[in-house]
Amino acid sequence: MKHVGMGYLEKTLGEVIRSICDSKQSCEVDPTKLAKGEDITQNWTRLIENVTKVWTQISKSLEDMPKYVISLNPFFLKKKK
């Protein structure tokens, strides 16, 4: 799978993932792991925004998704049709 999906993942998610990581903004939502002064509500909002960015990129790229990757997850088959 690594060889089949690596190019697709880089093309589809590379920029989005790098942007999320480079922002260095916390998305921690486990109350026991929050840094002092962190706002869990703000972190939830940021987490949802980041997940939405990733899923948006994936959904926009279904036509480019390798058939092998699609075959591993029936959800993508339904969305592609």
PDB file of N, CA and C in Angstrom:
ATOM      1  N   MET A   1       0.825  -1.190   0.000  1.00  0.00           N
ATOM      2  CA  MET A   1       0.000   0.000   0.000  1.00  0.00           C
ATOM      3  C   MET A   1       0.872   1.258   0.000  1.00  0.00           C
ATOM      4  N   LYS A   2       2.014   1.198   0.674  1.00  0.00           N
ATOM      5  CA  LYS A   2       2.873   2.375   0.763  1.00  0.00           C
ATOM      6  C   LYS A   2       3.230   2.898  -0.625  1.00  0.00           C
ATOM      7  N   HIS A   3       3.600   1.996  -1.509  1.00  0.00           N
ATOM      8  CA  HIS A   3       3.996   2.426  -2.845  1.00  0.00           C
ATOM      9  C   HIS A   3       2.809   2.879  -3.682  1.00  0.00           C
ATOM     10  N   VAL A   4       1.671   2.296  -3.428  1.00  0.00           N
ATOM     11  CA  VAL A   4       0.480   2.626  -4.206  1.00  0.00           C
ATOM     12  C   VAL A   4      -0.057   3.991  -3.809  1.00  0.00           C
ATOM     13  N   GLY A   5      -0.100   4.287  -2.531  1.00  0.00           N
ATOM     14  CA  GLY A   5      -0.772   5.492  -2.063  1.00  0.00           C
ATOM     15  C   GLY A   5       0.106   6.685  -1.735  1.00  0.00           C
ATOM     16  N   MET A   6       1.423   6.510  -1.688  1.00  0.00           N
ATOM     17  CA  MET A   6       2.298   7.589  -1.237  1.00  0.00           C
ATOM     18  C   MET A   6       2.189   8.840  -2.111  1.00  0.00           C
ATOM     19  N   GLY A   7       2.227   8.682  -3.408  1.00  0.00           N
ATOM     20  CA  GLY A   7       2.122   9.841  -4.303  1.00  0.00           C
ATOM     21  C   GLY A   7       0.786  10.541  -4.160  1.00  0.00           C
ATOM     22  N   TYR A   8      -0.259   9.739  -4.072  1.00  0.00           N
ATOM     23  CA  TYR A   8      -1.603  10.298  -3.884  1.00  0.00           C
ATOM     24  C   TYR A   8      -1.684  11.089  -2.582  1.00  0.00           C
ATOM     25  N   LEU A   9      -1.176  10.505  -1.501  1.00  0.00           N
ATOM     26  CA  LEU A   9      -1.232  11.186  -0.207  1.00  0.00           C
ATOM     27  C   LEU A   9      -0.451  12.493  -0.221  1.00  0.00           C
ATOM     28  N   GLU A  10       0.724  12.472  -0.801  1.00  0.00           N
ATOM     29  CA  GLU A  10       1.529  13.694  -0.861  1.00  0.00           C
ATOM     30  C   GLU A  10       0.811  14.771  -1.669  1.00  0.00           C
ATOM     31  N   LYS A  11       0.298  14.373  -2.820  1.00  0.00           N
ATOM     32  CA  LYS A  11      -0.394  15.332  -3.692  1.00  0.00           C
ATOM     33  C   LYS A  11      -1.659  15.873  -3.026  1.00  0.00           C
ATOM     34  N   THR A  12      -2.402  14.999  -2.369  1.00  0.00           N
ATOM     35  CA  THR A  12      -3.698  15.363  -1.808  1.00  0.00           C
ATOM     36  C   THR A  12      -3.596  16.044  -0.460  1.00  0.00           C
ATOM     37  N   LEU A  13      -2.762  15.512   0.411  1.00  0.00           N
ATOM     38  CA  LEU A  13      -2.756  15.983   1.796  1.00  0.00           C
ATOM     39  C   LEU A  13      -1.460  16.660   2.237  1.00  0.00           C
ATOM     40  N   GLY A  14      -0.419  16.551   1.442  1.00  0.00           N
ATOM     41  CA  GLY A  14       0.884  17.078   1.851  1.00  0.00           C
ATOM     42  C   GLY A  14       0.844  18.516   2.329  1.00  0.00           C
ATOM     43  N   GLU A  15       0.310  19.389   1.502  1.00  0.00           N
ATOM     44  CA  GLU A  15       0.287  20.819   1.839  1.00  0.00           C
ATOM     45  C   GLU A  15      -0.582  21.089   3.076  1.00  0.00           C
ATOM     46  N   VAL A  16      -1.729  20.438   3.146  1.00  0.00           N
ATOM     47  CA  VAL A  16      -2.645  20.651   4.274  1.00  0.00           C
ATOM     48  C   VAL A  16      -2.000  20.178   5.578  1.00  0.00           C
ATOM     49  N   ILE A  17      -1.414  18.999   5.561  1.00  0.00           N
ATOM     50  CA  ILE A  17      -0.788  18.454   6.768  1.00  0.00           C
ATOM     51  C   ILE A  17       0.400  19.320   7.186  1.00  0.00           C
ATOM     52  N   ARG A  18       1.225  19.727   6.233  1.00  0.00           N
ATOM     53  CA  ARG A  18       2.358  20.603   6.577  1.00  0.00           C
ATOM     54  C   ARG A  18       1.869  21.913   7.183  1.00  0.00           C
ATOM     55  N   SER A  19       0.805  22.457   6.631  1.00  0.00           N
ATOM     56  CA  SER A  19       0.243  23.710   7.151  1.00  0.00           C
ATOM     57  C   SER A  19      -0.241  23.545   8.592  1.00  0.00           C
ATOM     58  N   ILE A  20      -0.913  22.443   8.860  1.00  0.00           N
ATOM     59  CA  ILE A  20      -1.409  22.174  10.217  1.00  0.00           C
ATOM     60  C   ILE A  20      -0.227  22.026  11.177  1.00  0.00           C
ATOM     61  N   CYS A  21       0.759  21.252  10.777  1.00  0.00           N
ATOM     62  CA  CYS A  21       1.927  21.031  11.647  1.00  0.00           C
ATOM     63  C   CYS A  21       2.728  22.316  11.852  1.00  0.00           C
ATOM     64  N   ASP A  22       2.916  23.074  10.788  1.00  0.00           N
ATOM     65  CA  ASP A  22       3.685  24.315  10.874  1.00  0.00           C
ATOM     66  C   ASP A  22       3.007  25.363  11.750  1.00  0.00           C
ATOM     67  N   SER A  23       1.691  25.287  11.876  1.00  0.00           N
ATOM     68  CA  SER A  23       0.981  26.286  12.676  1.00  0.00           C
ATOM     69  C   SER A  23       1.316  26.146  14.160  1.00  0.00           C
ATOM     70  N   LYS A  24       1.722  24.946  14.563  1.00  0.00           N
ATOM     71  CA  LYS A  24       2.092  24.658  15.954  1.00  0.00           C
ATOM     72  C   LYS A  24       0.993  25.037  16.948  1.00  0.00           C
ATOM     73  N   GLN A  25      -0.247  25.067  16.472  1.00  0.00           N
ATOM     74  CA  GLN A  25      -1.373  25.360  17.347  1.00  0.00           C
ATOM     75  C   GLN A  25      -1.891  24.061  17.951  1.00  0.00           C
ATOM     76  N   SER A  26      -2.174  24.098  19.227  1.00  0.00           N
ATOM     77  CA  SER A  26      -2.623  22.905  19.922  1.00  0.00           C
ATOM     78  C   SER A  26      -4.041  22.519  19.522  1.00  0.00           C
ATOM     79  N   CYS A  27      -4.219  21.220  19.373  1.00  0.00           N
ATOM     80  CA  CYS A  27      -5.544  20.646  19.137  1.00  0.00           C
ATOM     81  C   CYS A  27      -5.861  19.636  20.236  1.00  0.00           C
ATOM     82  N   GLU A  28      -5.153  19.731  21.342  1.00  0.00           N
ATOM     83  CA  GLU A  28      -5.346  18.784  22.442  1.00  0.00           C
ATOM     84  C   GLU A  28      -6.725  18.968  23.059  1.00  0.00           C
ATOM     85  N   VAL A  29      -7.455  17.868  23.153  1.00  0.00           N
ATOM     86  CA  VAL A  29      -8.797  17.932  23.727  1.00  0.00           C
ATOM     87  C   VAL A  29      -8.950  17.006  24.937  1.00  0.00           C
ATOM     88  N   ASP A  30      -7.890  16.357  25.329  1.00  0.00           N
ATOM     89  CA  ASP A  30      -7.906  15.532  26.535  1.00  0.00           C
ATOM     90  C   ASP A  30      -7.638  16.452  27.724  1.00  0.00           C
ATOM     91  N   PRO A  31      -8.621  16.642  28.591  1.00  0.00           N
ATOM     92  CA  PRO A  31      -8.450  17.572  29.716  1.00  0.00           C
ATOM     93  C   PRO A  31      -7.244  17.249  30.593  1.00  0.00           C
ATOM     94  N   THR A  32      -6.847  15.984  30.650  1.00  0.00           N
ATOM     95  CA  THR A  32      -5.696  15.626  31.488  1.00  0.00           C
ATOM     96  C   THR A  32      -4.362  15.977  30.840  1.00  0.00           C
ATOM     97  N   LYS A  33      -4.391  16.338  29.565  1.00  0.00           N
ATOM     98  CA  LYS A  33      -3.148  16.642  28.846  1.00  0.00           C
ATOM     99  C   LYS A  33      -3.029  18.106  28.431  1.00  0.00           C
ATOM    100  N   LEU A  34      -4.010  18.918  28.773  1.00  0.00           N
ATOM    101  CA  LEU A  34      -3.967  20.329  28.397  1.00  0.00           C
ATOM    102  C   LEU A  34      -2.830  21.049  29.120  1.00  0.00           C
ATOM    103  N   ALA A  35      -2.150  21.899  28.387  1.00  0.00           N
ATOM    104  CA  ALA A  35      -1.132  22.744  29.009  1.00  0.00           C
ATOM    105  C   ALA A  35      -1.835  23.819  29.832  1.00  0.00           C
ATOM    106  N   LYS A  36      -1.136  24.325  30.804  1.00  0.00           N
ATOM    107  CA  LYS A  36      -1.716  25.361  31.661  1.00  0.00           C
ATOM    108  C   LYS A  36      -2.138  26.554  30.798  1.00  0.00           C
ATOM    109  N   GLY A  37      -3.385  26.982  31.002  1.00  0.00           N
ATOM    110  CA  GLY A  37      -3.911  28.131  30.268  1.00  0.00           C
ATOM    111  C   GLY A  37      -4.542  27.806  28.923  1.00  0.00           C
ATOM    112  N   GLU A  38      -4.463  26.544  28.498  1.00  0.00           N
ATOM    113  CA  GLU A  38      -5.076  26.177  27.219  1.00  0.00           C
ATOM    114  C   GLU A  38      -6.587  26.168  27.341  1.00  0.00           C
ATOM    115  N   ASP A  39      -7.243  26.557  26.268  1.00  0.00           N
ATOM    116  CA  ASP A  39      -8.705  26.602  26.214  1.00  0.00           C
ATOM    117  C   ASP A  39      -9.202  25.396  25.421  1.00  0.00           C
ATOM    118  N   ILE A  40      -9.831  24.467  26.113  1.00  0.00           N
ATOM    119  CA  ILE A  40     -10.279  23.231  25.460  1.00  0.00           C
ATOM    120  C   ILE A  40     -11.320  23.514  24.373  1.00  0.00           C
ATOM    121  N   THR A  41     -12.150  24.515  24.571  1.00  0.00           N
ATOM    122  CA  THR A  41     -13.161  24.864  23.561  1.00  0.00           C
ATOM    123  C   THR A  41     -12.479  25.346  22.283  1.00  0.00           C
ATOM    124  N   GLN A  42     -11.483  26.160  22.438  1.00  0.00           N
ATOM    125  CA  GLN A  42     -10.730  26.653  21.277  1.00  0.00           C
ATOM    126  C   GLN A  42     -10.002  25.495  20.585  1.00  0.00           C
ATOM    127  N   ASN A  43      -9.465  24.577  21.369  1.00  0.00           N
ATOM    128  CA  ASN A  43      -8.780  23.423  20.790  1.00  0.00           C
ATOM    129  C   ASN A  43      -9.750  22.525  20.030  1.00  0.00           C
ATOM    130  N   TRP A  44     -10.956  22.320  20.566  1.00  0.00           N
ATOM    131  CA  TRP A  44     -11.974  21.530  19.859  1.00  0.00           C
ATOM    132  C   TRP A  44     -12.304  22.184  18.520  1.00  0.00           C
ATOM    133  N   THR A  45     -12.474  23.485  18.544  1.00  0.00           N
ATOM    134  CA  THR A  45     -12.785  24.217  17.312  1.00  0.00           C
ATOM    135  C   THR A  45     -11.667  24.038  16.289  1.00  0.00           C
ATOM    136  N   ARG A  46     -10.432  24.181  16.739  1.00  0.00           N
ATOM    137  CA  ARG A  46      -9.273  24.031  15.857  1.00  0.00           C
ATOM    138  C   ARG A  46      -9.172  22.601  15.324  1.00  0.00           C
ATOM    139  N   LEU A  47      -9.413  21.620  16.184  1.00  0.00           N
ATOM    140  CA  LEU A  47      -9.366  20.220  15.762  1.00  0.00           C
ATOM    141  C   LEU A  47     -10.409  19.940  14.685  1.00  0.00           C
ATOM    142  N   ILE A  48     -11.623  20.397  14.905  1.00  0.00           N
ATOM    143  CA  ILE A  48     -12.692  20.188  13.925  1.00  0.00           C
ATOM    144  C   ILE A  48     -12.358  20.889  12.610  1.00  0.00           C
ATOM    145  N   GLU A  49     -11.818  22.088  12.673  1.00  0.00           N
ATOM    146  CA  GLU A  49     -11.426  22.800  11.455  1.00  0.00           C
ATOM    147  C   GLU A  49     -10.353  22.027  10.690  1.00  0.00           C
ATOM    148  N   ASN A  50      -9.363  21.497  11.411  1.00  0.00           N
ATOM    149  CA  ASN A  50      -8.285  20.760  10.756  1.00  0.00           C
ATOM    150  C   ASN A  50      -8.772  19.451  10.143  1.00  0.00           C
ATOM    151  N   VAL A  51      -9.611  18.734  10.861  1.00  0.00           N
ATOM    152  CA  VAL A  51     -10.171  17.492  10.321  1.00  0.00           C
ATOM    153  C   VAL A  51     -11.019  17.793   9.088  1.00  0.00           C
ATOM    154  N   THR A  52     -11.762  18.870   9.131  1.00  0.00           N
ATOM    155  CA  THR A  52     -12.576  19.276   7.979  1.00  0.00           C
ATOM    156  C   THR A  52     -11.696  19.583   6.777  1.00  0.00           C
ATOM    157  N   LYS A  53     -10.579  20.264   6.991  1.00  0.00           N
ATOM    158  CA  LYS A  53      -9.650  20.558   5.891  1.00  0.00           C
ATOM    159  C   LYS A  53      -9.144  19.266   5.251  1.00  0.00           C
ATOM    160  N   VAL A  54      -8.765  18.308   6.091  1.00  0.00           N
ATOM    161  CA  VAL A  54      -8.240  17.042   5.583  1.00  0.00           C
ATOM    162  C   VAL A  54      -9.312  16.287   4.804  1.00  0.00           C
ATOM    163  N   TRP A  55     -10.511  16.140   5.381  1.00  0.00           N
ATOM    164  CA  TRP A  55     -11.580  15.399   4.700  1.00  0.00           C
ATOM    165  C   TRP A  55     -12.049  16.108   3.431  1.00  0.00           C
ATOM    166  N   THR A  56     -12.012  17.420   3.426  1.00  0.00           N
ATOM    167  CA  THR A  56     -12.370  18.164   2.216  1.00  0.00           C
ATOM    168  C   THR A  56     -11.394  17.834   1.096  1.00  0.00           C
ATOM    169  N   GLN A  57     -10.106  17.819   1.412  1.00  0.00           N
ATOM    170  CA  GLN A  57      -9.106  17.476   0.397  1.00  0.00           C
ATOM    171  C   GLN A  57      -9.306  16.058  -0.112  1.00  0.00           C
ATOM    172  N   ILE A  58      -9.584  15.139   0.797  1.00  0.00           N
ATOM    173  CA  ILE A  58      -9.804  13.749   0.383  1.00  0.00           C
ATOM    174  C   ILE A  58     -11.026  13.650  -0.518  1.00  0.00           C
ATOM    175  N   SER A  59     -12.119  14.291  -0.121  1.00  0.00           N
ATOM    176  CA  SER A  59     -13.354  14.180  -0.913  1.00  0.00           C
ATOM    177  C   SER A  59     -13.206  14.843  -2.283  1.00  0.00           C
ATOM    178  N   LYS A  60     -12.378  15.875  -2.375  1.00  0.00           N
ATOM    179  CA  LYS A  60     -12.157  16.530  -3.666  1.00  0.00           C
ATOM    180  C   LYS A  60     -11.251  15.713  -4.582  1.00  0.00           C
ATOM    181  N   SER A  61     -10.593  14.709  -4.013  1.00  0.00           N
ATOM    182  CA  SER A  61      -9.599  13.978  -4.799  1.00  0.00           C
ATOM    183  C   SER A  61     -10.004  12.537  -5.100  1.00  0.00           C
ATOM    184  N   LEU A  62     -11.255  12.191  -4.920  1.00  0.00           N
ATOM    185  CA  LEU A  62     -11.667  10.801  -5.110  1.00  0.00           C
ATOM    186  C   LEU A  62     -11.363  10.280  -6.507  1.00  0.00           C
ATOM    187  N   GLU A  63     -11.440  11.128  -7.498  1.00  0.00           N
ATOM    188  CA  GLU A  63     -11.146  10.697  -8.870  1.00  0.00           C
ATOM    189  C   GLU A  63      -9.680  10.303  -9.028  1.00  0.00           C
ATOM    190  N   ASP A  64      -8.806  10.877  -8.206  1.00  0.00           N
ATOM    191  CA  ASP A  64      -7.373  10.586  -8.281  1.00  0.00           C
ATOM    192  C   ASP A  64      -6.950   9.470  -7.341  1.00  0.00           C
ATOM    193  N   MET A  65      -7.848   9.054  -6.452  1.00  0.00           N
ATOM    194  CA  MET A  65      -7.502   8.038  -5.460  1.00  0.00           C
ATOM    195  C   MET A  65      -7.221   6.706  -6.152  1.00  0.00           C
ATOM    196  N   PRO A  66      -6.089   6.074  -5.814  1.00  0.00           N
ATOM    197  CA  PRO A  66      -5.777   4.772  -6.418  1.00  0.00           C
ATOM    198  C   PRO A  66      -6.882   3.753  -6.137  1.00  0.00           C
ATOM    199  N   LYS A  67      -7.191   2.967  -7.133  1.00  0.00           N
ATOM    200  CA  LYS A  67      -8.261   1.973  -7.003  1.00  0.00           C
ATOM    201  C   LYS A  67      -8.021   1.022  -5.828  1.00  0.00           C
ATOM    202  N   TYR A  68      -6.762   0.669  -5.597  1.00  0.00           N
ATOM    203  CA  TYR A  68      -6.453  -0.223  -4.490  1.00  0.00           C
ATOM    204  C   TYR A  68      -6.858   0.415  -3.152  1.00  0.00           C
ATOM    205  N   VAL A  69      -6.593   1.691  -2.988  1.00  0.00           N
ATOM    206  CA  VAL A  69      -6.944   2.392  -1.748  1.00  0.00           C
ATOM    207  C   VAL A  69      -8.461   2.437  -1.599  1.00  0.00           C
ATOM    208  N   ILE A  70      -9.158   2.714  -2.670  1.00  0.00           N
ATOM    209  CA  ILE A  70     -10.624   2.743  -2.644  1.00  0.00           C
ATOM    210  C   ILE A  70     -11.174   1.374  -2.238  1.00  0.00           C
ATOM    211  N   SER A  71     -10.571   0.321  -2.759  1.00  0.00           N
ATOM    212  CA  SER A  71     -11.066  -1.023  -2.457  1.00  0.00           C
ATOM    213  C   SER A  71     -10.920  -1.382  -0.981  1.00  0.00           C
ATOM    214  N   LEU A  72     -10.049  -0.715  -0.266  1.00  0.00           N
ATOM    215  CA  LEU A  72      -9.838  -0.989   1.165  1.00  0.00           C
ATOM    216  C   LEU A  72     -10.910  -0.375   2.043  1.00  0.00           C
ATOM    217  N   ASN A  73     -11.642   0.588   1.505  1.00  0.00           N
ATOM    218  CA  ASN A  73     -12.638   1.275   2.317  1.00  0.00           C
ATOM    219  C   ASN A  73     -13.921   1.482   1.519  1.00  0.00           C
ATOM    220  N   PRO A  74     -14.963   0.732   1.822  1.00  0.00           N
ATOM    221  CA  PRO A  74     -16.234   0.840   1.092  1.00  0.00           C
ATOM    222  C   PRO A  74     -16.836   2.249   1.129  1.00  0.00           C
ATOM    223  N   PHE A  75     -16.524   3.041   2.136  1.00  0.00           N
ATOM    224  CA  PHE A  75     -17.020   4.418   2.210  1.00  0.00           C
ATOM    225  C   PHE A  75     -16.645   5.189   0.952  1.00  0.00           C
ATOM    226  N   PHE A  76     -15.410   5.017   0.491  1.00  0.00           N
ATOM    227  CA  PHE A  76     -14.967   5.743  -0.694  1.00  0.00           C
ATOM    228  C   PHE A  76     -15.663   5.258  -1.951  1.00  0.00           C
ATOM    229  N   LEU A  77     -15.989   3.975  -2.011  1.00  0.00           N
ATOM    230  CA  LEU A  77     -16.739   3.452  -3.154  1.00  0.00           C
ATOM    231  C   LEU A  77     -18.089   4.114  -3.262  1.00  0.00           C
ATOM    232  N   LYS A  78     -18.781   4.260  -2.124  1.00  0.00           N
ATOM    233  CA  LYS A  78     -20.102   4.893  -2.111  1.00  0.00           C
ATOM    234  C   LYS A  78     -20.006   6.350  -2.535  1.00  0.00           C
ATOM    235  N   LYS A  79     -18.998   7.059  -2.045  1.00  0.00           N
ATOM    236  CA  LYS A  79     -18.853   8.481  -2.353  1.00  0.00           C
ATOM    237  C   LYS A  79     -18.464   8.713  -3.809  1.00  0.00           C
ATOM    238  N   LYS A  80     -17.720   7.800  -4.370  1.00  0.00           N
ATOM    239  CA  LYS A  80     -17.249   7.981  -5.742  1.00  0.00           C
ATOM    240  C   LYS A  80     -18.358   7.794  -6.757  1.00  0.00           C
ATOM    241  N   LYS A  81     -19.359   6.982  -6.422  1.00  0.00           N
ATOM    242  CA  LYS A  81     -20.440   6.692  -7.368  1.00  0.00           C
ATOM    243  C   LYS A  81     -21.383   7.834  -7.525  1.00  0.00           C
TER     244      LYS A  81
END
